[in-house]
Amino acid sequence: MAEEFTLAPMRRLLRKHGDLRISEGAAEELRAVIGEYGSRIAEAAVAHAAGEGRRTVLDRDIRSAVERMTAGEGEG
């Protein structure tokens, strides 16, 4: 799934936060992490829409999925 993203945007995203060189491995790892996280968000958003009896995923489904996922991050 992460292969859907190219490495160039990953490098740009990292460079936005500091004027450092970005290794290919760092860009690939960011791509993998974003792909995994995005997949989990998508799955939760689709479940939220289906749970409300809709066949269309809306922006509020994405926001709800992100909020539910980040709500538990401070625990543990």
C-alpha atoms as a PDB file:
ATOM      1  CA  MET A   1       0.000   0.000   0.000  1.00  0.00           C
ATOM      2  CA  ALA A   2       2.810   2.426   0.804  1.00  0.00           C
ATOM      3  CA  GLU A   3       4.129   2.068  -2.740  1.00  0.00           C
ATOM      4  CA  GLU A   4       1.256   4.296  -3.847  1.00  0.00           C
ATOM      5  CA  PHE A   5       3.263   7.244  -2.553  1.00  0.00           C
ATOM      6  CA  THR A   6       6.431   8.350  -4.295  1.00  0.00           C
ATOM      7  CA  LEU A   7       9.573   9.204  -2.380  1.00  0.00           C
ATOM      8  CA  ALA A   8       9.818  12.828  -3.585  1.00  0.00           C
ATOM      9  CA  PRO A   9       6.890  14.093  -1.470  1.00  0.00           C
ATOM     10  CA  MET A  10       8.303  12.241   1.540  1.00  0.00           C
ATOM     11  CA  ARG A  11      11.623  14.027   1.092  1.00  0.00           C
ATOM     12  CA  ARG A  12       9.861  17.394   0.688  1.00  0.00           C
ATOM     13  CA  LEU A  13       7.848  16.783   3.841  1.00  0.00           C
ATOM     14  CA  LEU A  14      11.005  16.030   5.829  1.00  0.00           C
ATOM     15  CA  ARG A  15      12.855  19.024   4.357  1.00  0.00           C
ATOM     16  CA  LYS A  16      10.026  21.362   5.368  1.00  0.00           C
ATOM     17  CA  HIS A  17      11.060  20.796   8.958  1.00  0.00           C
ATOM     18  CA  GLY A  18      14.794  21.236   8.616  1.00  0.00           C
ATOM     19  CA  ASP A  19      17.472  21.933   6.043  1.00  0.00           C
ATOM     20  CA  LEU A  20      19.043  18.483   6.210  1.00  0.00           C
ATOM     21  CA  ARG A  21      19.876  15.869   3.646  1.00  0.00           C
ATOM     22  CA  ILE A  22      17.336  13.053   3.533  1.00  0.00           C
ATOM     23  CA  SER A  23      18.499   9.485   2.987  1.00  0.00           C
ATOM     24  CA  GLU A  24      16.544   7.190   0.722  1.00  0.00           C
ATOM     25  CA  GLY A  25      15.978   4.892   3.696  1.00  0.00           C
ATOM     26  CA  ALA A  26      14.423   7.716   5.724  1.00  0.00           C
ATOM     27  CA  ALA A  27      12.090   8.630   2.858  1.00  0.00           C
ATOM     28  CA  GLU A  28      11.131   4.970   2.395  1.00  0.00           C
ATOM     29  CA  GLU A  29      10.449   4.531   6.121  1.00  0.00           C
ATOM     30  CA  LEU A  30       8.268   7.652   6.228  1.00  0.00           C
ATOM     31  CA  ARG A  31       6.388   6.335   3.188  1.00  0.00           C
ATOM     32  CA  ALA A  32       5.790   3.009   4.942  1.00  0.00           C
ATOM     33  CA  VAL A  33       4.632   4.627   8.185  1.00  0.00           C
ATOM     34  CA  ILE A  34       2.303   7.053   6.395  1.00  0.00           C
ATOM     35  CA  GLY A  35       0.942   4.169   4.315  1.00  0.00           C
ATOM     36  CA  GLU A  36       0.196   2.071   7.408  1.00  0.00           C
ATOM     37  CA  TYR A  37      -1.358   4.970   9.294  1.00  0.00           C
ATOM     38  CA  GLY A  38      -3.392   6.039   6.259  1.00  0.00           C
ATOM     39  CA  SER A  39      -4.673   2.515   5.778  1.00  0.00           C
ATOM     40  CA  ARG A  40      -5.853   2.339   9.392  1.00  0.00           C
ATOM     41  CA  ILE A  41      -7.564   5.719   9.052  1.00  0.00           C
ATOM     42  CA  ALA A  42      -9.247   4.627   5.817  1.00  0.00           C
ATOM     43  CA  GLU A  43     -10.488   1.396   7.361  1.00  0.00           C
ATOM     44  CA  ALA A  44     -11.940   3.214  10.376  1.00  0.00           C
ATOM     45  CA  ALA A  45     -13.502   5.923   8.193  1.00  0.00           C
ATOM     46  CA  VAL A  46     -15.191   3.357   5.941  1.00  0.00           C
ATOM     47  CA  ALA A  47     -16.499   1.514   9.007  1.00  0.00           C
ATOM     48  CA  HIS A  48     -17.842   4.791  10.429  1.00  0.00           C
ATOM     49  CA  ALA A  49     -19.689   5.624   7.202  1.00  0.00           C
ATOM     50  CA  ALA A  50     -21.083   2.100   6.917  1.00  0.00           C
ATOM     51  CA  GLY A  51     -22.119   2.199  10.583  1.00  0.00           C
ATOM     52  CA  GLU A  52     -24.200   5.263   9.798  1.00  0.00           C
ATOM     53  CA  GLY A  53     -25.764   3.466   6.836  1.00  0.00           C
ATOM     54  CA  ARG A  54     -23.986   5.565   4.202  1.00  0.00           C
ATOM     55  CA  ARG A  55     -22.279   4.422   1.041  1.00  0.00           C
ATOM     56  CA  THR A  56     -20.156   7.569   0.839  1.00  0.00           C
ATOM     57  CA  VAL A  57     -17.145   8.344   3.032  1.00  0.00           C
ATOM     58  CA  LEU A  58     -17.231  11.984   4.089  1.00  0.00           C
ATOM     59  CA  ASP A  59     -14.614  14.294   5.533  1.00  0.00           C
ATOM     60  CA  ARG A  60     -16.234  13.917   8.934  1.00  0.00           C
ATOM     61  CA  ASP A  61     -15.610  10.144   8.770  1.00  0.00           C
ATOM     62  CA  ILE A  62     -11.893  10.785   8.279  1.00  0.00           C
ATOM     63  CA  ARG A  63     -11.817  13.308  11.141  1.00  0.00           C
ATOM     64  CA  SER A  64     -13.725  10.931  13.406  1.00  0.00           C
ATOM     65  CA  ALA A  65     -11.320   8.094  12.601  1.00  0.00           C
ATOM     66  CA  VAL A  66      -8.282  10.263  13.351  1.00  0.00           C
ATOM     67  CA  GLU A  67      -9.786  11.520  16.604  1.00  0.00           C
ATOM     68  CA  ARG A  68     -10.587   7.988  17.756  1.00  0.00           C
ATOM     69  CA  MET A  69      -7.086   6.789  16.871  1.00  0.00           C
ATOM     70  CA  THR A  70      -5.310   9.661  18.604  1.00  0.00           C
ATOM     71  CA  ALA A  71      -7.546   9.595  21.683  1.00  0.00           C
ATOM     72  CA  GLY A  72      -5.779   6.493  22.983  1.00  0.00           C
ATOM     73  CA  GLU A  73      -2.216   7.669  22.289  1.00  0.00           C
ATOM     74  CA  GLY A  74      -1.740   9.333  25.666  1.00  0.00           C
ATOM     75  CA  GLU A  75      -2.769   6.185  27.537  1.00  0.00           C
ATOM     76  CA  GLY A  76      -0.615   3.311  28.566  1.00  0.00           C
END
